[in-house]
Amino acid sequence: MKSEDKMNTDYLKEASRIFKLLSNETRLKMLVNLEDKAISVNELSALLDIEQSAVSHQLSILKKHQLVDTNRIGKSIYYRLDDPHILDIVNEAVQHSSHVIRGKKHGE
């Protein structure tokens, strides 16, 4: 991406929205669980020990911002990452958090 594109106000506003979405620990857990396979709401609810309605609500927010997508199989709807490189952002943030928590400088 060109440097002038990085300063585009619309791009920065959407990036800010994405960071707000990623500031929710439940949503982060959902995205990480969707890394390798599509998962139904019921499965995610069990994995995260969260009410199905809460899982559905959070997934609808992620879908609205094109972070997840759905696929219907029979009566079940399966969620999958719509934009797998979003996990690059999540993984970088987790790695940075590890440095902060351990009190280590980057590269140590």
C-alpha atoms as a PDB file:
ATOM      1  CA  MET A   1       0.000   0.000   0.000  1.00  0.00           C
ATOM      2  CA  LYS A   2       1.299   3.431  -0.920  1.00  0.00           C
ATOM      3  CA  SER A   3       2.076   5.835   1.911  1.00  0.00           C
ATOM      4  CA  GLU A   4      -0.569   8.324   0.706  1.00  0.00           C
ATOM      5  CA  ASP A   5      -3.167   5.533   0.856  1.00  0.00           C
ATOM      6  CA  LYS A   6      -2.214   4.852   4.484  1.00  0.00           C
ATOM      7  CA  MET A   7      -3.174   8.421   5.341  1.00  0.00           C
ATOM      8  CA  ASN A   8      -6.577   8.200   3.606  1.00  0.00           C
ATOM      9  CA  THR A   9      -9.126   9.310   6.208  1.00  0.00           C
ATOM     10  CA  ASP A  10     -11.668   6.658   5.223  1.00  0.00           C
ATOM     11  CA  TYR A  11      -9.041   3.900   5.516  1.00  0.00           C
ATOM     12  CA  LEU A  12      -7.935   5.183   8.918  1.00  0.00           C
ATOM     13  CA  LYS A  13     -11.529   5.378  10.176  1.00  0.00           C
ATOM     14  CA  GLU A  14     -12.175   1.780   9.110  1.00  0.00           C
ATOM     15  CA  ALA A  15      -8.865   0.667  10.652  1.00  0.00           C
ATOM     16  CA  SER A  16      -9.965   2.336  13.888  1.00  0.00           C
ATOM     17  CA  ARG A  17     -13.266   0.408  13.756  1.00  0.00           C
ATOM     18  CA  ILE A  18     -11.396  -2.845  13.245  1.00  0.00           C
ATOM     19  CA  PHE A  19      -9.154  -2.153  16.240  1.00  0.00           C
ATOM     20  CA  LYS A  20     -12.277  -1.460  18.312  1.00  0.00           C
ATOM     21  CA  LEU A  21     -13.698  -4.807  17.180  1.00  0.00           C
ATOM     22  CA  LEU A  22     -10.457  -6.519  18.123  1.00  0.00           C
ATOM     23  CA  SER A  23     -10.452  -4.897  21.562  1.00  0.00           C
ATOM     24  CA  ASN A  24     -13.066  -7.422  22.701  1.00  0.00           C
ATOM     25  CA  GLU A  25     -11.484 -10.589  24.160  1.00  0.00           C
ATOM     26  CA  THR A  26     -14.457 -12.767  23.168  1.00  0.00           C
ATOM     27  CA  ARG A  27     -14.183 -11.695  19.539  1.00  0.00           C
ATOM     28  CA  LEU A  28     -10.443 -12.366  19.584  1.00  0.00           C
ATOM     29  CA  LYS A  29     -11.067 -15.876  20.913  1.00  0.00           C
ATOM     30  CA  MET A  30     -13.640 -16.457  18.181  1.00  0.00           C
ATOM     31  CA  LEU A  31     -11.255 -15.373  15.439  1.00  0.00           C
ATOM     32  CA  VAL A  32      -8.461 -17.565  16.790  1.00  0.00           C
ATOM     33  CA  ASN A  33     -10.814 -20.562  16.961  1.00  0.00           C
ATOM     34  CA  LEU A  34     -11.842 -19.963  13.349  1.00  0.00           C
ATOM     35  CA  GLU A  35      -8.234 -19.984  12.160  1.00  0.00           C
ATOM     36  CA  ASP A  36      -8.174 -23.593  10.956  1.00  0.00           C
ATOM     37  CA  LYS A  37     -11.780 -24.489  10.218  1.00  0.00           C
ATOM     38  CA  ALA A  38     -15.364 -23.338   9.964  1.00  0.00           C
ATOM     39  CA  ILE A  39     -17.309 -23.715  13.203  1.00  0.00           C
ATOM     40  CA  SER A  40     -21.013 -23.539  14.039  1.00  0.00           C
ATOM     41  CA  VAL A  41     -22.455 -21.204  16.652  1.00  0.00           C
ATOM     42  CA  ASN A  42     -23.198 -24.194  18.888  1.00  0.00           C
ATOM     43  CA  GLU A  43     -19.591 -25.401  18.674  1.00  0.00           C
ATOM     44  CA  LEU A  44     -18.203 -21.928  19.394  1.00  0.00           C
ATOM     45  CA  SER A  45     -20.603 -21.543  22.286  1.00  0.00           C
ATOM     46  CA  ALA A  46     -19.326 -24.798  23.810  1.00  0.00           C
ATOM     47  CA  LEU A  47     -15.659 -24.006  23.101  1.00  0.00           C
ATOM     48  CA  LEU A  48     -15.860 -20.577  24.703  1.00  0.00           C
ATOM     49  CA  ASP A  49     -18.419 -21.471  27.401  1.00  0.00           C
ATOM     50  CA  ILE A  50     -20.591 -18.542  26.353  1.00  0.00           C
ATOM     51  CA  GLU A  51     -24.342 -18.405  25.733  1.00  0.00           C
ATOM     52  CA  GLN A  52     -25.305 -19.147  22.128  1.00  0.00           C
ATOM     53  CA  SER A  53     -27.138 -15.830  21.803  1.00  0.00           C
ATOM     54  CA  ALA A  54     -24.002 -13.913  22.856  1.00  0.00           C
ATOM     55  CA  VAL A  55     -21.895 -15.867  20.354  1.00  0.00           C
ATOM     56  CA  SER A  56     -24.392 -15.148  17.587  1.00  0.00           C
ATOM     57  CA  HIS A  57     -24.405 -11.450  18.443  1.00  0.00           C
ATOM     58  CA  GLN A  58     -20.617 -11.170  18.374  1.00  0.00           C
ATOM     59  CA  LEU A  59     -20.388 -13.127  15.127  1.00  0.00           C
ATOM     60  CA  SER A  60     -22.921 -10.827  13.483  1.00  0.00           C
ATOM     61  CA  ILE A  61     -20.731  -7.856  14.403  1.00  0.00           C
ATOM     62  CA  LEU A  62     -17.656  -9.581  12.951  1.00  0.00           C
ATOM     63  CA  LYS A  63     -19.584 -10.454   9.801  1.00  0.00           C
ATOM     64  CA  LYS A  64     -20.777  -6.873   9.351  1.00  0.00           C
ATOM     65  CA  HIS A  65     -17.132  -5.786   9.161  1.00  0.00           C
ATOM     66  CA  GLN A  66     -16.135  -8.629   6.816  1.00  0.00           C
ATOM     67  CA  LEU A  67     -13.977 -10.479   9.325  1.00  0.00           C
ATOM     68  CA  VAL A  68     -16.079 -13.652   9.187  1.00  0.00           C
ATOM     69  CA  ASP A  69     -18.387 -15.184   6.622  1.00  0.00           C
ATOM     70  CA  THR A  70     -20.976 -17.950   6.737  1.00  0.00           C
ATOM     71  CA  ASN A  71     -21.725 -21.178   4.965  1.00  0.00           C
ATOM     72  CA  ARG A  72     -24.992 -23.051   5.456  1.00  0.00           C
ATOM     73  CA  ILE A  73     -24.847 -26.839   5.611  1.00  0.00           C
ATOM     74  CA  GLY A  74     -28.288 -28.289   6.138  1.00  0.00           C
ATOM     75  CA  LYS A  75     -29.847 -26.456   9.068  1.00  0.00           C
ATOM     76  CA  SER A  76     -26.512 -25.367  10.512  1.00  0.00           C
ATOM     77  CA  ILE A  77     -24.632 -22.182   9.737  1.00  0.00           C
ATOM     78  CA  TYR A  78     -20.860 -22.399   9.920  1.00  0.00           C
ATOM     79  CA  TYR A  79     -18.656 -19.387  10.413  1.00  0.00           C
ATOM     80  CA  ARG A  80     -15.192 -19.043   8.929  1.00  0.00           C
ATOM     81  CA  LEU A  81     -12.645 -16.292   8.595  1.00  0.00           C
ATOM     82  CA  ASP A  82     -13.514 -14.026   5.706  1.00  0.00           C
ATOM     83  CA  ASP A  83     -10.172 -12.271   5.890  1.00  0.00           C
ATOM     84  CA  PRO A  84      -7.501 -14.669   7.210  1.00  0.00           C
ATOM     85  CA  HIS A  85      -4.801 -12.002   7.359  1.00  0.00           C
ATOM     86  CA  ILE A  86      -6.709 -10.392  10.238  1.00  0.00           C
ATOM     87  CA  LEU A  87      -5.007 -13.061  12.336  1.00  0.00           C
ATOM     88  CA  ASP A  88      -1.651 -11.496  11.450  1.00  0.00           C
ATOM     89  CA  ILE A  89      -2.804  -8.433  13.382  1.00  0.00           C
ATOM     90  CA  VAL A  90      -4.072 -10.570  16.264  1.00  0.00           C
ATOM     91  CA  ASN A  91      -0.892 -12.655  16.404  1.00  0.00           C
ATOM     92  CA  GLU A  92       1.324  -9.551  16.340  1.00  0.00           C
ATOM     93  CA  ALA A  93      -0.699  -8.029  19.197  1.00  0.00           C
ATOM     94  CA  VAL A  94      -0.438 -11.244  21.230  1.00  0.00           C
ATOM     95  CA  GLN A  95       3.307 -11.394  20.619  1.00  0.00           C
ATOM     96  CA  HIS A  96       3.676  -7.761  21.709  1.00  0.00           C
ATOM     97  CA  SER A  97       1.554  -8.511  24.803  1.00  0.00           C
ATOM     98  CA  SER A  98       3.899 -11.368  25.655  1.00  0.00           C
ATOM     99  CA  HIS A  99       6.859  -8.971  25.618  1.00  0.00           C
ATOM    100  CA  VAL A 100       5.034  -6.456  27.792  1.00  0.00           C
ATOM    101  CA  ILE A 101       3.842  -9.045  30.338  1.00  0.00           C
ATOM    102  CA  ARG A 102       7.300 -10.628  30.606  1.00  0.00           C
ATOM    103  CA  GLY A 103       8.951  -7.205  30.816  1.00  0.00           C
ATOM    104  CA  LYS A 104      11.172  -8.039  27.860  1.00  0.00           C
ATOM    105  CA  LYS A 105      12.344  -5.737  25.125  1.00  0.00           C
ATOM    106  CA  HIS A 106      11.678  -6.805  21.557  1.00  0.00           C
ATOM    107  CA  GLY A 107      14.381  -9.117  20.310  1.00  0.00           C
ATOM    108  CA  GLU A 108      15.179 -10.533  23.779  1.00  0.00           C
END
